[in-house]
Protein backbone atom coordinates (compact mmCIF):
# COMPACT_ATOMS: atom_id res chain seq x y z
CA MET A 1 -8.37 93.76 66.32
CA THR A 2 -6.90 95.85 63.52
CA LYS A 3 -8.57 96.83 60.25
CA ALA A 4 -6.38 94.28 58.43
CA GLU A 5 -7.57 91.55 60.81
CA VAL A 6 -11.20 92.56 60.26
CA ILE A 7 -10.68 92.40 56.49
CA SER A 8 -9.07 88.94 56.77
CA GLU A 9 -11.89 87.63 58.94
CA ILE A 10 -14.59 88.95 56.60
CA ALA A 11 -12.77 87.43 53.61
CA ASP A 12 -12.49 84.07 55.41
CA LYS A 13 -16.16 84.03 56.47
CA THR A 14 -17.58 85.16 53.10
CA GLY A 15 -15.14 83.59 50.66
CA ILE A 16 -14.72 86.98 48.97
CA ASP A 17 -11.26 88.01 47.80
CA LYS A 18 -9.35 90.09 50.40
CA GLU A 19 -8.74 92.93 47.94
CA LYS A 20 -12.49 93.28 47.26
CA VAL A 21 -13.26 93.15 50.98
CA GLN A 22 -10.63 95.83 51.62
CA ILE A 23 -12.17 98.11 48.97
CA THR A 24 -15.62 97.59 50.52
CA VAL A 25 -14.45 98.20 54.09
CA GLU A 26 -12.53 101.33 53.04
CA ALA A 27 -15.63 102.60 51.18
CA PHE A 28 -17.79 101.93 54.26
CA PHE A 29 -15.47 103.97 56.47
CA LYS A 30 -15.31 106.77 53.88
CA VAL A 31 -19.12 106.93 53.66
CA ILE A 32 -19.33 107.23 57.46
CA GLN A 33 -16.66 109.94 57.55
CA ASN A 34 -18.17 111.94 54.69
CA SER A 35 -21.71 111.68 56.07
CA MET A 36 -20.64 112.80 59.53
CA GLU A 37 -18.54 115.59 58.05
CA ASN A 38 -21.73 116.81 56.33
CA GLY A 39 -23.58 116.76 59.66
CA ASP A 40 -25.48 113.52 59.03
CA ASN A 41 -25.74 110.75 61.59
CA ILE A 42 -25.67 107.06 60.59
CA TYR A 43 -28.08 104.59 62.18
CA VAL A 44 -27.45 100.84 61.78
CA ARG A 45 -30.34 98.89 63.31
CA GLY A 46 -29.16 96.23 65.76
CA PHE A 47 -25.62 97.64 65.78
CA GLY A 48 -25.57 101.29 66.78
CA SER A 49 -25.36 104.91 65.71
CA PHE A 50 -22.49 107.05 64.54
CA ILE A 51 -23.38 110.54 65.74
CA ASN A 52 -21.87 114.00 65.98
CA LYS A 53 -21.88 115.27 69.56
CA LYS A 54 -21.77 118.99 70.19
CA ARG A 55 -19.20 120.20 72.71
CA ALA A 56 -19.80 123.59 74.31
CA LYS A 57 -17.10 126.23 74.34
CA LYS A 58 -14.96 126.20 77.46
CA ILE A 59 -11.97 127.81 79.06
CA ALA A 60 -8.90 125.59 79.39
CA ARG A 61 -5.45 126.26 80.80
CA ASN A 62 -2.17 125.83 78.95
CA ILE A 63 -0.09 124.62 81.90
CA SER A 64 3.27 125.16 80.20
CA GLN A 65 2.55 128.87 79.67
CA ASN A 66 0.07 129.21 82.55
CA LYS A 67 -2.41 130.98 80.29
CA ALA A 68 -6.15 130.56 79.96
CA MET A 69 -7.37 129.80 76.46
CA GLU A 70 -10.83 129.47 74.99
CA ILE A 71 -11.74 126.26 73.20
CA PRO A 72 -14.59 127.09 70.82
CA GLU A 73 -17.80 125.12 70.49
CA HIS A 74 -17.23 122.11 68.21
CA PHE A 75 -18.47 118.65 67.24
CA VAL A 76 -16.82 115.30 67.96
CA PRO A 77 -17.70 111.96 66.37
CA SER A 78 -19.18 109.37 68.68
CA PHE A 79 -20.54 105.82 68.51
CA LYS A 80 -23.58 104.77 70.52
CA PRO A 81 -24.17 101.00 70.52
CA SER A 82 -27.74 99.70 70.16
CA LYS A 83 -29.54 97.98 73.04
CA VAL A 84 -29.17 94.66 71.18
CA PHE A 85 -25.40 95.20 70.86
CA ILE A 86 -25.07 96.20 74.53
CA GLU A 87 -27.02 93.13 75.69
CA ARG A 88 -24.95 90.83 73.49
CA ILE A 89 -21.70 92.15 75.00
CA LYS A 90 -23.15 92.15 78.51
CA ASN A 91 -24.16 88.48 78.17
CA SER A 92 -21.01 87.31 76.36
CA LYS A 93 -19.74 84.05 77.86
CA LYS A 94 -16.19 84.76 76.65
CA LEU A 95 -16.13 88.13 78.40
CA LYS A 96 -17.60 86.63 81.58
CA ASP A 97 -14.84 83.99 81.47
CA LYS A 98 -12.24 86.79 81.17
CA LEU A 99 -13.71 88.44 84.26
CA SER A 100 -13.40 85.14 86.14
CA GLU A 101 -9.78 84.72 85.04
CA ASN A 102 -8.90 88.27 86.11
CA GLY A 103 -10.52 87.70 89.49
CA LYS A 104 -8.33 84.63 90.14
CA LYS A 105 -5.04 86.49 89.64
């Protein structure tokens, strides 16, 4: 599902104008990006957490030049779903049906 599809679905379910929904969704993403850029994590109860994960420095190899290079310690954004979210996906009838369909092929 694309961002445009998410916006359309929210507009359909809420009856709010698509342009207003788009502004809200864009603002939501910007708040998450800015907060994480400032080192803050975002916790949404029942949904999950947007967190910065620290990656240790490591030595990698540039295979085209056959040279070792050091990748410095850095942070990467990550999403950790809540237990409620995980259970909902795990118990999804639609996803279980997809597994059954794939097993029949």
